[in-house]
Amino acid sequence: MNSDAISLVGTGALSIPDRARAAQEEGLVRAVKHERTYKKCLHCEKQLPMMVRALSKPPFCTPVHEHEYRVHMEVLMIARLREAAVRLQMAAASLEA
């Protein structure tokens, strides 16, 4: 796809690539922050009620699920750290040999 396919001919408007180039030349930077909206509990994947979604940030249906999810994530992180430590030890041993 070329820029001719995107440009708006006859309207005097800039094509998408031209707009991006003009914004870059002017030093304009657009930063857009998107807040994630959770529709399901991260632990049990049950549909969250609309009021829970609207009023609370944590994507869990109960505090118990939040705690269990965080414990599970900590166990996974520790396992990954142990794997990385083993790999580093193996790499150091191979360099010494």
N, C-alpha and C. Protein backbone atom coordinates (compact mmCIF):
# COMPACT_ATOMS: atom_id res chain seq x y z
N MET A 1 0.85 -1.17 0.00
CA MET A 1 0.00 0.00 0.00
C MET A 1 0.90 1.24 0.00
N ASN A 2 0.66 2.14 -0.90
CA ASN A 2 1.47 3.35 -0.97
C ASN A 2 0.71 4.54 -0.40
N SER A 3 1.38 5.69 -0.34
CA SER A 3 0.74 6.86 0.26
C SER A 3 -0.40 7.39 -0.61
N ASP A 4 -0.37 7.08 -1.92
CA ASP A 4 -1.46 7.54 -2.78
C ASP A 4 -2.77 6.88 -2.40
N ALA A 5 -2.70 5.65 -1.89
CA ALA A 5 -3.92 4.94 -1.51
C ALA A 5 -4.55 5.54 -0.27
N ILE A 6 -3.74 6.26 0.51
CA ILE A 6 -4.24 6.81 1.76
C ILE A 6 -4.64 8.27 1.63
N SER A 7 -4.00 9.00 0.71
CA SER A 7 -4.23 10.44 0.64
C SER A 7 -5.66 10.76 0.21
N LEU A 8 -6.11 11.90 0.66
CA LEU A 8 -7.44 12.37 0.32
C LEU A 8 -7.31 13.36 -0.83
N VAL A 9 -7.57 12.93 -2.03
CA VAL A 9 -7.36 13.74 -3.23
C VAL A 9 -8.50 14.74 -3.37
N GLY A 10 -8.15 15.98 -3.68
CA GLY A 10 -9.15 16.99 -3.96
C GLY A 10 -9.69 17.71 -2.74
N THR A 11 -9.35 17.29 -1.55
CA THR A 11 -9.87 17.95 -0.36
C THR A 11 -8.87 18.90 0.26
N GLY A 12 -7.62 18.79 -0.18
CA GLY A 12 -6.60 19.65 0.40
C GLY A 12 -6.09 19.14 1.74
N ALA A 13 -6.57 17.99 2.18
CA ALA A 13 -6.12 17.41 3.45
C ALA A 13 -4.83 16.64 3.22
N LEU A 14 -4.04 16.57 4.26
CA LEU A 14 -2.80 15.82 4.17
C LEU A 14 -3.07 14.33 4.29
N SER A 15 -2.26 13.55 3.58
CA SER A 15 -2.39 12.10 3.72
C SER A 15 -1.83 11.69 5.08
N ILE A 16 -2.08 10.47 5.49
CA ILE A 16 -1.61 9.99 6.79
C ILE A 16 -0.09 10.07 6.90
N PRO A 17 0.68 9.59 5.90
CA PRO A 17 2.14 9.72 6.01
C PRO A 17 2.60 11.18 6.07
N ASP A 18 1.92 12.08 5.32
CA ASP A 18 2.29 13.49 5.34
C ASP A 18 2.01 14.11 6.70
N ARG A 19 0.90 13.76 7.32
CA ARG A 19 0.58 14.26 8.66
C ARG A 19 1.62 13.81 9.67
N ALA A 20 2.03 12.55 9.59
CA ALA A 20 3.02 12.02 10.51
C ALA A 20 4.35 12.74 10.33
N ARG A 21 4.73 12.97 9.08
CA ARG A 21 5.98 13.66 8.78
C ARG A 21 5.92 15.11 9.29
N ALA A 22 4.79 15.78 9.09
CA ALA A 22 4.64 17.17 9.54
C ALA A 22 4.70 17.25 11.06
N ALA A 23 4.06 16.31 11.74
CA ALA A 23 4.08 16.30 13.20
C ALA A 23 5.49 16.04 13.71
N GLN A 24 6.23 15.18 13.00
CA GLN A 24 7.59 14.87 13.40
C GLN A 24 8.49 16.11 13.21
N GLU A 25 8.29 16.83 12.13
CA GLU A 25 9.09 18.02 11.87
C GLU A 25 8.81 19.11 12.89
N GLU A 26 7.58 19.23 13.35
CA GLU A 26 7.22 20.24 14.33
C GLU A 26 7.61 19.83 15.74
N GLY A 27 8.00 18.59 15.92
CA GLY A 27 8.39 18.11 17.24
C GLY A 27 7.21 17.75 18.12
N LEU A 28 6.08 17.51 17.51
CA LEU A 28 4.90 17.14 18.28
C LEU A 28 4.95 15.65 18.62
N VAL A 29 4.63 15.34 19.84
CA VAL A 29 4.58 13.95 20.27
C VAL A 29 3.23 13.72 20.92
N ARG A 30 2.54 12.71 20.45
CA ARG A 30 1.24 12.38 21.05
C ARG A 30 1.42 11.18 21.95
N ALA A 31 1.06 11.34 23.19
CA ALA A 31 1.10 10.23 24.13
C ALA A 31 -0.33 9.97 24.60
N VAL A 32 -0.77 8.77 24.42
CA VAL A 32 -2.12 8.40 24.81
C VAL A 32 -2.04 7.31 25.85
N LYS A 33 -2.69 7.54 26.98
CA LYS A 33 -2.69 6.54 28.05
C LYS A 33 -4.04 5.84 28.03
N HIS A 34 -3.98 4.53 27.85
CA HIS A 34 -5.20 3.75 27.87
C HIS A 34 -5.28 2.98 29.17
N GLU A 35 -6.37 3.16 29.88
CA GLU A 35 -6.56 2.37 31.09
C GLU A 35 -7.27 1.09 30.70
N ARG A 36 -6.73 0.01 31.19
CA ARG A 36 -7.29 -1.29 30.84
C ARG A 36 -8.57 -1.53 31.62
N THR A 37 -9.60 -1.94 30.92
CA THR A 37 -10.86 -2.26 31.56
C THR A 37 -10.99 -3.77 31.59
N TYR A 38 -11.08 -4.29 32.79
CA TYR A 38 -11.20 -5.73 32.95
C TYR A 38 -12.66 -6.12 32.98
N LYS A 39 -13.00 -7.15 32.24
CA LYS A 39 -14.37 -7.64 32.22
C LYS A 39 -14.50 -8.97 32.94
N LYS A 40 -13.34 -9.64 33.17
CA LYS A 40 -13.35 -10.93 33.84
C LYS A 40 -12.34 -10.92 34.96
N CYS A 41 -12.63 -11.73 35.99
CA CYS A 41 -11.71 -11.91 37.10
C CYS A 41 -10.45 -12.59 36.57
N LEU A 42 -9.28 -12.09 36.98
CA LEU A 42 -8.03 -12.68 36.51
C LEU A 42 -7.80 -14.08 37.09
N HIS A 43 -8.43 -14.38 38.21
CA HIS A 43 -8.22 -15.68 38.86
C HIS A 43 -9.15 -16.76 38.31
N CYS A 44 -10.44 -16.49 38.31
CA CYS A 44 -11.41 -17.52 37.91
C CYS A 44 -12.03 -17.28 36.54
N GLU A 45 -11.73 -16.12 35.94
CA GLU A 45 -12.27 -15.73 34.63
C GLU A 45 -13.79 -15.65 34.60
N LYS A 46 -14.37 -15.42 35.76
CA LYS A 46 -15.82 -15.21 35.84
C LYS A 46 -16.12 -13.75 35.48
N GLN A 47 -17.24 -13.53 34.83
CA GLN A 47 -17.65 -12.19 34.43
C GLN A 47 -17.79 -11.29 35.66
N LEU A 48 -17.15 -10.13 35.63
CA LEU A 48 -17.27 -9.19 36.73
C LEU A 48 -18.55 -8.38 36.60
N PRO A 49 -19.24 -8.14 37.70
CA PRO A 49 -20.44 -7.30 37.64
C PRO A 49 -20.07 -5.89 37.20
N MET A 50 -21.00 -5.22 36.54
CA MET A 50 -20.72 -3.90 35.99
C MET A 50 -20.33 -2.90 37.08
N MET A 51 -20.95 -2.97 38.23
CA MET A 51 -20.63 -2.02 39.30
C MET A 51 -19.22 -2.25 39.83
N VAL A 52 -18.79 -3.50 39.88
CA VAL A 52 -17.42 -3.79 40.32
C VAL A 52 -16.44 -3.23 39.31
N ARG A 53 -16.74 -3.40 38.02
CA ARG A 53 -15.87 -2.86 36.97
C ARG A 53 -15.80 -1.34 37.04
N ALA A 54 -16.94 -0.70 37.34
CA ALA A 54 -16.99 0.76 37.33
C ALA A 54 -16.34 1.37 38.57
N LEU A 55 -16.47 0.72 39.71
CA LEU A 55 -16.04 1.34 40.96
C LEU A 55 -14.67 0.90 41.47
N SER A 56 -14.18 -0.23 41.02
CA SER A 56 -12.92 -0.70 41.59
C SER A 56 -11.88 -0.94 40.51
N LYS A 57 -10.63 -0.73 40.86
CA LYS A 57 -9.52 -0.96 39.95
C LYS A 57 -9.13 -2.44 39.86
N PRO A 58 -9.07 -3.18 40.98
CA PRO A 58 -8.58 -4.55 40.87
C PRO A 58 -9.53 -5.43 40.07
N PRO A 59 -9.00 -6.20 39.14
CA PRO A 59 -9.84 -7.06 38.30
C PRO A 59 -10.13 -8.42 38.92
N PHE A 60 -10.61 -8.42 40.15
CA PHE A 60 -10.92 -9.67 40.84
C PHE A 60 -12.33 -9.58 41.42
N CYS A 61 -13.00 -10.73 41.44
CA CYS A 61 -14.37 -10.71 41.95
C CYS A 61 -14.42 -10.74 43.48
N THR A 62 -13.39 -11.26 44.13
CA THR A 62 -13.34 -11.27 45.59
C THR A 62 -11.90 -10.99 46.04
N PRO A 63 -11.73 -10.50 47.27
CA PRO A 63 -10.38 -10.30 47.80
C PRO A 63 -9.60 -11.62 47.92
N VAL A 64 -10.31 -12.72 48.14
CA VAL A 64 -9.66 -14.03 48.22
C VAL A 64 -9.02 -14.38 46.88
N HIS A 65 -9.74 -14.12 45.80
CA HIS A 65 -9.19 -14.40 44.48
C HIS A 65 -7.97 -13.52 44.20
N GLU A 66 -8.02 -12.28 44.64
CA GLU A 66 -6.88 -11.39 44.44
C GLU A 66 -5.65 -11.94 45.17
N HIS A 67 -5.84 -12.38 46.43
CA HIS A 67 -4.73 -12.93 47.20
C HIS A 67 -4.18 -14.19 46.56
N GLU A 68 -5.06 -15.12 46.15
CA GLU A 68 -4.62 -16.36 45.52
C GLU A 68 -3.87 -16.09 44.22
N TYR A 69 -4.35 -15.14 43.44
CA TYR A 69 -3.69 -14.78 42.18
C TYR A 69 -2.30 -14.22 42.44
N ARG A 70 -2.19 -13.33 43.43
CA ARG A 70 -0.88 -12.74 43.73
C ARG A 70 0.09 -13.79 44.26
N VAL A 71 -0.37 -14.71 45.09
CA VAL A 71 0.49 -15.79 45.59
C VAL A 71 0.97 -16.65 44.42
N HIS A 72 0.07 -16.98 43.51
CA HIS A 72 0.42 -17.78 42.34
C HIS A 72 1.48 -17.07 41.48
N MET A 73 1.30 -15.76 41.26
CA MET A 73 2.26 -15.00 40.48
C MET A 73 3.62 -14.94 41.17
N GLU A 74 3.63 -14.83 42.51
CA GLU A 74 4.90 -14.82 43.24
C GLU A 74 5.63 -16.14 43.09
N VAL A 75 4.89 -17.25 43.15
CA VAL A 75 5.50 -18.57 42.97
C VAL A 75 6.11 -18.68 41.58
N LEU A 76 5.39 -18.21 40.56
CA LEU A 76 5.92 -18.24 39.20
C LEU A 76 7.17 -17.38 39.06
N MET A 77 7.17 -16.20 39.68
CA MET A 77 8.33 -15.32 39.60
C MET A 77 9.55 -15.94 40.27
N ILE A 78 9.35 -16.56 41.42
CA ILE A 78 10.46 -17.20 42.11
C ILE A 78 11.01 -18.35 41.28
N ALA A 79 10.14 -19.12 40.64
CA ALA A 79 10.59 -20.22 39.77
C ALA A 79 11.41 -19.68 38.61
N ARG A 80 10.98 -18.58 38.01
CA ARG A 80 11.72 -17.98 36.90
C ARG A 80 13.09 -17.48 37.37
N LEU A 81 13.13 -16.87 38.56
CA LEU A 81 14.40 -16.39 39.09
C LEU A 81 15.36 -17.54 39.34
N ARG A 82 14.85 -18.64 39.87
CA ARG A 82 15.69 -19.82 40.11
C ARG A 82 16.23 -20.38 38.80
N GLU A 83 15.37 -20.44 37.77
CA GLU A 83 15.82 -20.92 36.45
C GLU A 83 16.93 -20.01 35.91
N ALA A 84 16.75 -18.72 36.06
CA ALA A 84 17.75 -17.78 35.56
C ALA A 84 19.06 -17.94 36.32
N ALA A 85 18.99 -18.16 37.64
CA ALA A 85 20.21 -18.35 38.43
C ALA A 85 20.95 -19.61 37.99
N VAL A 86 20.21 -20.68 37.71
CA VAL A 86 20.83 -21.92 37.24
C VAL A 86 21.51 -21.69 35.90
N ARG A 87 20.82 -20.97 34.99
CA ARG A 87 21.42 -20.69 33.68
C ARG A 87 22.69 -19.85 33.80
N LEU A 88 22.68 -18.87 34.71
CA LEU A 88 23.87 -18.05 34.92
C LEU A 88 25.02 -18.87 35.48
N GLN A 89 24.71 -19.76 36.40
CA GLN A 89 25.76 -20.63 36.96
C GLN A 89 26.34 -21.53 35.88
N MET A 90 25.48 -22.07 35.02
CA MET A 90 25.96 -22.94 33.94
C MET A 90 26.81 -22.13 32.95
N ALA A 91 26.41 -20.90 32.65
CA ALA A 91 27.19 -20.07 31.73
C ALA A 91 28.54 -19.71 32.34
N ALA A 92 28.56 -19.40 33.64
CA ALA A 92 29.82 -19.07 34.30
C ALA A 92 30.74 -20.29 34.34
N ALA A 93 30.18 -21.48 34.56
CA ALA A 93 30.99 -22.70 34.60
C ALA A 93 31.56 -23.00 33.20
N SER A 94 30.79 -22.75 32.16
CA SER A 94 31.30 -23.02 30.82
C SER A 94 32.39 -22.04 30.42
N LEU A 95 32.35 -20.81 30.93
CA LEU A 95 33.39 -19.83 30.64
C LEU A 95 34.69 -20.17 31.36
N GLU A 96 34.58 -20.74 32.57
CA GLU A 96 35.76 -21.10 33.35
C GLU A 96 36.45 -22.33 32.78
N ALA A 97 35.69 -23.21 32.16
CA ALA A 97 36.26 -24.46 31.67
C ALA A 97 37.02 -24.30 30.38
